[in-house]
N, C-alpha and C. Protein backbone atom coordinates (compact mmCIF):
# COMPACT_ATOMS: atom_id res chain seq x y z
N MET A 1 -19.27 64.74 -49.25
CA MET A 1 -19.75 64.26 -47.97
C MET A 1 -19.41 64.64 -47.06
N ARG A 2 -20.34 65.31 -46.04
CA ARG A 2 -19.94 65.97 -44.92
C ARG A 2 -20.57 65.56 -43.56
N PHE A 3 -20.34 65.27 -42.46
CA PHE A 3 -20.73 64.88 -41.55
C PHE A 3 -21.62 66.03 -40.70
N ILE A 4 -22.53 66.29 -40.38
CA ILE A 4 -23.01 67.27 -39.64
C ILE A 4 -23.41 66.68 -38.36
N GLU A 5 -24.27 67.48 -37.43
CA GLU A 5 -24.49 67.65 -36.23
C GLU A 5 -25.05 65.94 -35.76
N GLY A 6 -24.41 65.23 -35.01
CA GLY A 6 -24.85 64.04 -34.18
C GLY A 6 -24.43 62.79 -35.33
N ASP A 7 -25.36 61.97 -36.08
CA ASP A 7 -25.23 60.77 -36.83
C ASP A 7 -25.88 61.05 -38.23
N LYS A 8 -25.38 62.44 -39.03
CA LYS A 8 -26.01 63.07 -40.06
C LYS A 8 -24.75 62.98 -40.77
N ILE A 9 -25.70 62.87 -42.29
CA ILE A 9 -24.54 63.17 -43.21
C ILE A 9 -25.34 63.75 -44.32
N GLU A 10 -24.41 64.82 -44.87
CA GLU A 10 -25.09 64.91 -45.89
C GLU A 10 -23.94 65.19 -47.20
N ALA A 11 -24.55 64.78 -48.34
CA ALA A 11 -23.60 64.42 -49.43
C ALA A 11 -24.47 64.89 -51.27
N ASP A 12 -23.61 65.32 -51.81
CA ASP A 12 -23.40 65.78 -52.90
C ASP A 12 -23.05 64.91 -54.14
N LEU A 13 -24.12 63.97 -54.97
CA LEU A 13 -23.60 62.95 -55.57
C LEU A 13 -23.74 63.52 -57.10
N HIS A 14 -22.66 62.95 -58.05
CA HIS A 14 -22.61 63.46 -59.33
C HIS A 14 -22.27 61.79 -59.95
N PHE A 15 -23.56 62.04 -61.38
CA PHE A 15 -23.30 60.69 -62.36
C PHE A 15 -23.36 61.15 -63.83
N GLY A 16 -22.71 60.62 -64.55
CA GLY A 16 -22.59 60.82 -65.81
C GLY A 16 -22.53 59.72 -66.80
N CYS A 17 -22.93 59.27 -67.88
CA CYS A 17 -22.80 58.55 -68.73
C CYS A 17 -23.25 58.62 -69.96
N GLY A 18 -22.89 57.79 -70.90
CA GLY A 18 -23.43 57.92 -72.33
C GLY A 18 -23.65 56.82 -72.59
N LEU A 19 -25.13 56.57 -73.31
CA LEU A 19 -25.95 55.42 -73.98
C LEU A 19 -25.63 55.47 -75.30
N TYR A 20 -25.40 53.98 -75.70
CA TYR A 20 -24.98 53.86 -77.09
C TYR A 20 -25.66 52.52 -77.44
N VAL A 21 -26.05 52.71 -78.89
CA VAL A 21 -26.80 51.69 -79.35
C VAL A 21 -25.77 51.02 -80.44
N TYR A 22 -26.28 49.58 -80.58
CA TYR A 22 -25.23 48.50 -81.29
C TYR A 22 -25.99 48.57 -82.72
N LYS A 23 -25.60 48.75 -83.80
CA LYS A 23 -26.48 48.56 -84.70
C LYS A 23 -25.71 47.98 -86.03
N HIS A 24 -25.83 46.42 -85.94
CA HIS A 24 -25.22 45.53 -87.20
C HIS A 24 -25.98 46.08 -88.45
N GLU A 25 -25.11 45.67 -89.44
CA GLU A 25 -25.47 45.99 -90.81
C GLU A 25 -26.10 45.08 -91.47
N TYR A 26 -25.78 43.84 -91.29
CA TYR A 26 -26.73 42.68 -92.02
C TYR A 26 -27.92 41.93 -91.04
N LYS A 27 -28.25 41.16 -92.00
CA LYS A 27 -29.78 40.77 -91.16
C LYS A 27 -29.04 39.60 -90.35
N LYS A 28 -29.07 39.26 -89.42
CA LYS A 28 -28.82 38.02 -88.57
C LYS A 28 -30.14 37.20 -87.52
N SER A 29 -30.03 36.10 -87.19
CA SER A 29 -31.04 35.50 -86.23
C SER A 29 -30.82 36.44 -85.21
N ASP A 30 -31.85 36.29 -84.30
CA ASP A 30 -31.61 36.91 -82.84
C ASP A 30 -30.85 36.10 -82.04
N LEU A 31 -30.48 34.85 -81.88
CA LEU A 31 -29.37 34.37 -81.32
C LEU A 31 -28.23 34.85 -82.03
N GLU A 32 -27.81 34.99 -83.18
CA GLU A 32 -26.46 35.28 -83.86
C GLU A 32 -26.36 37.16 -83.55
N ALA A 33 -27.66 37.72 -83.36
CA ALA A 33 -27.35 39.18 -82.83
C ALA A 33 -26.95 39.65 -81.68
N LEU A 34 -27.43 38.57 -80.75
CA LEU A 34 -27.21 38.77 -79.27
C LEU A 34 -26.00 38.31 -79.01
N MET A 35 -25.31 37.33 -79.77
CA MET A 35 -23.91 37.10 -79.52
C MET A 35 -22.87 38.38 -80.17
N GLY A 36 -23.20 38.62 -81.40
CA GLY A 36 -22.49 40.06 -81.70
C GLY A 36 -22.51 40.86 -81.11
N LEU A 37 -23.45 41.08 -79.99
CA LEU A 37 -23.52 42.49 -79.33
C LEU A 37 -22.74 42.02 -77.98
N PHE A 38 -22.72 41.01 -77.86
CA PHE A 38 -21.87 40.52 -76.57
C PHE A 38 -20.59 40.52 -76.89
N THR A 39 -20.28 40.12 -78.02
CA THR A 39 -18.63 39.87 -78.25
C THR A 39 -18.10 41.26 -79.06
N SER A 40 -19.01 42.36 -79.22
CA SER A 40 -18.34 43.26 -79.63
C SER A 40 -18.09 44.59 -78.23
N MET A 41 -18.76 44.03 -77.13
CA MET A 41 -18.59 44.49 -76.03
C MET A 41 -17.08 45.04 -75.46
N ASN A 42 -16.43 44.15 -75.90
CA ASN A 42 -14.77 44.27 -75.18
C ASN A 42 -13.97 44.32 -76.58
N THR A 43 -14.46 44.63 -77.58
CA THR A 43 -13.78 44.80 -79.00
C THR A 43 -13.25 46.60 -79.21
N ASP A 44 -12.76 46.64 -80.35
CA ASP A 44 -12.04 48.22 -80.60
C ASP A 44 -13.25 49.20 -80.23
N ILE A 45 -12.90 50.23 -79.53
CA ILE A 45 -13.62 51.10 -79.24
C ILE A 45 -14.00 52.27 -80.37
N ASN A 46 -13.70 52.04 -81.63
CA ASN A 46 -14.13 52.91 -82.77
C ASN A 46 -14.95 52.26 -83.71
N ASP A 47 -15.58 51.26 -82.93
CA ASP A 47 -16.25 50.12 -83.93
C ASP A 47 -17.43 50.98 -84.62
N SER A 48 -17.72 50.97 -85.75
CA SER A 48 -18.78 51.88 -86.46
C SER A 48 -20.11 51.54 -85.88
N ALA A 49 -20.52 49.81 -85.47
CA ALA A 49 -21.68 49.49 -84.99
C ALA A 49 -22.39 50.51 -83.93
N TRP A 50 -21.59 50.62 -83.16
CA TRP A 50 -22.13 51.34 -81.65
C TRP A 50 -21.96 52.94 -82.37
N THR A 51 -22.87 53.29 -82.09
CA THR A 51 -23.62 55.12 -82.00
C THR A 51 -24.40 55.52 -80.98
N LYS A 52 -23.64 56.75 -80.68
CA LYS A 52 -23.98 57.40 -79.39
C LYS A 52 -25.36 57.67 -79.64
N TYR A 53 -25.91 57.25 -78.49
CA TYR A 53 -27.73 57.63 -78.58
C TYR A 53 -28.24 58.92 -77.73
N ARG A 54 -27.80 58.77 -76.38
CA ARG A 54 -27.97 59.96 -75.55
C ARG A 54 -26.83 60.00 -74.15
N SER A 55 -26.34 61.17 -73.88
CA SER A 55 -25.71 61.24 -72.51
C SER A 55 -26.64 61.79 -71.25
N VAL A 56 -26.52 61.06 -70.38
CA VAL A 56 -26.94 61.40 -69.18
C VAL A 56 -26.35 61.83 -67.95
N PHE A 57 -26.85 62.56 -67.18
CA PHE A 57 -26.10 63.45 -66.29
C PHE A 57 -27.25 63.62 -64.97
N VAL A 58 -26.72 62.78 -64.17
CA VAL A 58 -27.92 63.21 -62.55
C VAL A 58 -26.76 63.57 -61.66
N SER A 59 -27.22 64.99 -61.11
CA SER A 59 -26.55 65.33 -59.98
C SER A 59 -27.73 65.80 -58.91
N MET A 60 -27.42 65.08 -57.91
CA MET A 60 -28.39 65.22 -56.32
C MET A 60 -27.75 65.41 -55.21
N GLY A 61 -28.56 66.00 -54.17
CA GLY A 61 -27.99 65.88 -52.95
C GLY A 61 -28.92 65.09 -52.00
N LEU A 62 -28.32 64.49 -50.75
CA LEU A 62 -28.88 63.46 -49.75
C LEU A 62 -28.44 63.87 -48.42
N ASN A 63 -29.95 63.81 -47.81
CA ASN A 63 -29.32 63.87 -46.04
C ASN A 63 -29.70 62.39 -45.59
N MET A 64 -28.78 61.70 -44.85
CA MET A 64 -29.18 60.79 -43.82
C MET A 64 -28.79 60.67 -42.51
N GLU A 65 -29.82 60.28 -41.57
CA GLU A 65 -29.44 60.02 -40.32
C GLU A 65 -29.21 58.76 -40.54
N PHE A 66 -28.25 58.09 -39.12
CA PHE A 66 -28.25 56.91 -38.47
C PHE A 66 -28.39 56.80 -37.28
N ASP A 67 -28.44 55.46 -37.08
CA ASP A 67 -28.60 55.04 -35.49
C ASP A 67 -27.76 54.22 -35.24
N PHE A 68 -26.74 54.36 -34.41
CA PHE A 68 -25.23 53.46 -34.23
C PHE A 68 -25.45 52.90 -32.74
N SER A 69 -26.66 52.91 -32.34
CA SER A 69 -26.81 52.40 -31.09
C SER A 69 -27.06 50.79 -31.15
N GLU A 70 -26.63 50.51 -29.85
CA GLU A 70 -26.65 48.69 -29.85
C GLU A 70 -28.37 48.40 -30.31
N LYS A 71 -29.24 48.96 -29.93
CA LYS A 71 -30.50 48.43 -30.18
C LYS A 71 -30.44 48.20 -32.01
N ALA A 72 -30.14 49.16 -32.41
CA ALA A 72 -30.23 49.07 -34.00
C ALA A 72 -29.50 48.11 -34.38
N LYS A 73 -28.38 47.26 -33.78
CA LYS A 73 -27.44 46.11 -34.13
C LYS A 73 -28.50 44.83 -34.29
N ARG A 74 -29.75 45.12 -33.79
CA ARG A 74 -30.54 44.11 -33.41
C ARG A 74 -31.44 43.33 -34.82
N LEU A 75 -31.88 42.42 -34.79
CA LEU A 75 -33.15 42.38 -35.48
C LEU A 75 -34.13 42.75 -35.31
N ASN A 76 -34.83 43.56 -36.25
CA ASN A 76 -35.93 44.25 -36.32
C ASN A 76 -37.14 43.89 -37.35
N VAL A 77 -37.52 42.81 -37.18
CA VAL A 77 -38.68 42.57 -38.41
C VAL A 77 -40.20 42.60 -37.76
N PRO A 78 -41.00 42.79 -38.33
CA PRO A 78 -42.32 42.24 -37.80
C PRO A 78 -42.38 40.74 -37.70
N GLY A 79 -42.78 40.10 -36.23
CA GLY A 79 -43.16 38.98 -35.92
C GLY A 79 -42.10 38.40 -35.36
N ALA A 80 -40.74 38.97 -35.42
CA ALA A 80 -39.66 38.57 -34.68
C ALA A 80 -39.76 38.03 -32.78
N GLU A 81 -40.62 38.79 -32.52
CA GLU A 81 -40.89 38.73 -30.90
C GLU A 81 -41.78 37.47 -30.89
N LEU A 82 -42.65 37.27 -31.60
CA LEU A 82 -43.51 36.18 -31.40
C LEU A 82 -42.22 34.76 -31.50
N ILE A 83 -41.39 34.88 -32.13
CA ILE A 83 -40.62 33.56 -32.00
C ILE A 83 -39.42 33.56 -31.16
N GLY A 84 -39.31 35.07 -30.46
CA GLY A 84 -38.45 34.97 -29.14
C GLY A 84 -37.05 35.43 -29.81
N ALA A 85 -37.25 35.81 -31.00
CA ALA A 85 -36.25 36.26 -31.79
C ALA A 85 -35.48 37.74 -31.00
N ASP A 86 -33.98 37.66 -30.83
CA ASP A 86 -33.22 38.83 -30.38
C ASP A 86 -32.13 38.73 -30.71
N ILE A 87 -31.90 38.84 -31.81
CA ILE A 87 -30.40 38.29 -32.60
C ILE A 87 -30.00 39.66 -33.11
N ASN A 88 -28.73 39.47 -32.30
CA ASN A 88 -27.74 40.66 -32.85
C ASN A 88 -27.03 40.35 -34.27
N LEU A 89 -27.33 41.05 -35.32
CA LEU A 89 -26.82 41.10 -36.49
C LEU A 89 -25.25 41.44 -36.59
N SER A 90 -24.94 42.11 -35.63
CA SER A 90 -23.41 42.47 -35.97
C SER A 90 -22.66 41.41 -35.22
N LYS A 91 -23.31 40.58 -34.93
CA LYS A 91 -22.31 39.36 -33.86
C LYS A 91 -22.24 38.29 -35.43
N TYR A 92 -22.83 38.34 -36.48
CA TYR A 92 -22.86 37.34 -37.42
C TYR A 92 -22.23 38.27 -38.76
N VAL A 93 -22.77 39.44 -38.74
CA VAL A 93 -21.95 40.08 -39.77
C VAL A 93 -21.26 41.37 -39.25
N PRO A 94 -20.18 41.46 -39.06
CA PRO A 94 -19.15 42.06 -38.15
C PRO A 94 -19.79 43.97 -39.05
N LEU A 95 -19.85 44.01 -40.19
CA LEU A 95 -19.96 45.30 -40.60
C LEU A 95 -21.36 46.45 -40.75
N ILE A 96 -22.05 45.26 -40.18
CA ILE A 96 -23.51 46.09 -39.70
C ILE A 96 -23.36 46.61 -38.38
N MET A 97 -23.19 48.04 -38.41
CA MET A 97 -23.00 48.84 -37.08
C MET A 97 -24.37 49.51 -36.94
N GLY A 98 -24.73 49.82 -37.66
CA GLY A 98 -26.23 50.57 -37.38
C GLY A 98 -27.83 50.72 -38.25
N ARG A 99 -28.39 51.29 -38.35
CA ARG A 99 -29.50 51.58 -39.12
C ARG A 99 -29.69 52.86 -39.60
N VAL A 100 -30.17 52.96 -40.88
CA VAL A 100 -30.69 54.19 -41.83
C VAL A 100 -32.16 54.85 -40.84
N VAL A 101 -32.05 55.89 -40.12
CA VAL A 101 -33.27 56.50 -39.70
C VAL A 101 -33.96 56.99 -40.53
N ASP A 102 -33.37 58.06 -41.32
CA ASP A 102 -34.14 58.99 -42.27
C ASP A 102 -33.08 59.06 -43.48
N PHE A 103 -33.89 59.06 -44.58
CA PHE A 103 -33.00 59.20 -45.81
C PHE A 103 -33.89 60.33 -46.73
N ARG A 104 -33.43 61.36 -47.44
CA ARG A 104 -33.77 62.17 -47.98
C ARG A 104 -33.34 62.74 -49.14
N PRO A 105 -33.63 62.15 -50.09
CA PRO A 105 -32.65 62.75 -51.75
C PRO A 105 -32.94 64.09 -51.84
């Protein structure tokens, strides 16, 4: 992640994972199969019922621009002006510091 001119950020994101399929060897009812799946998720990693299906890897870059002004901290939804709502969101949720102006993956 890199901060560039003003309130802009460039980032490169990389994510990879393996997809596995659970295959049980004998016929079970749907409920028994579901319970078997859940109980097998935290057992031996060498369980032969789990077979590798695919691997997925995603790599992407993105650019974002933020607005950290006081105006950006206010509630901005359609119709808010009809009820006279001028709500400062950062007053109720202190982590809200701004808004995303532009997002380009």
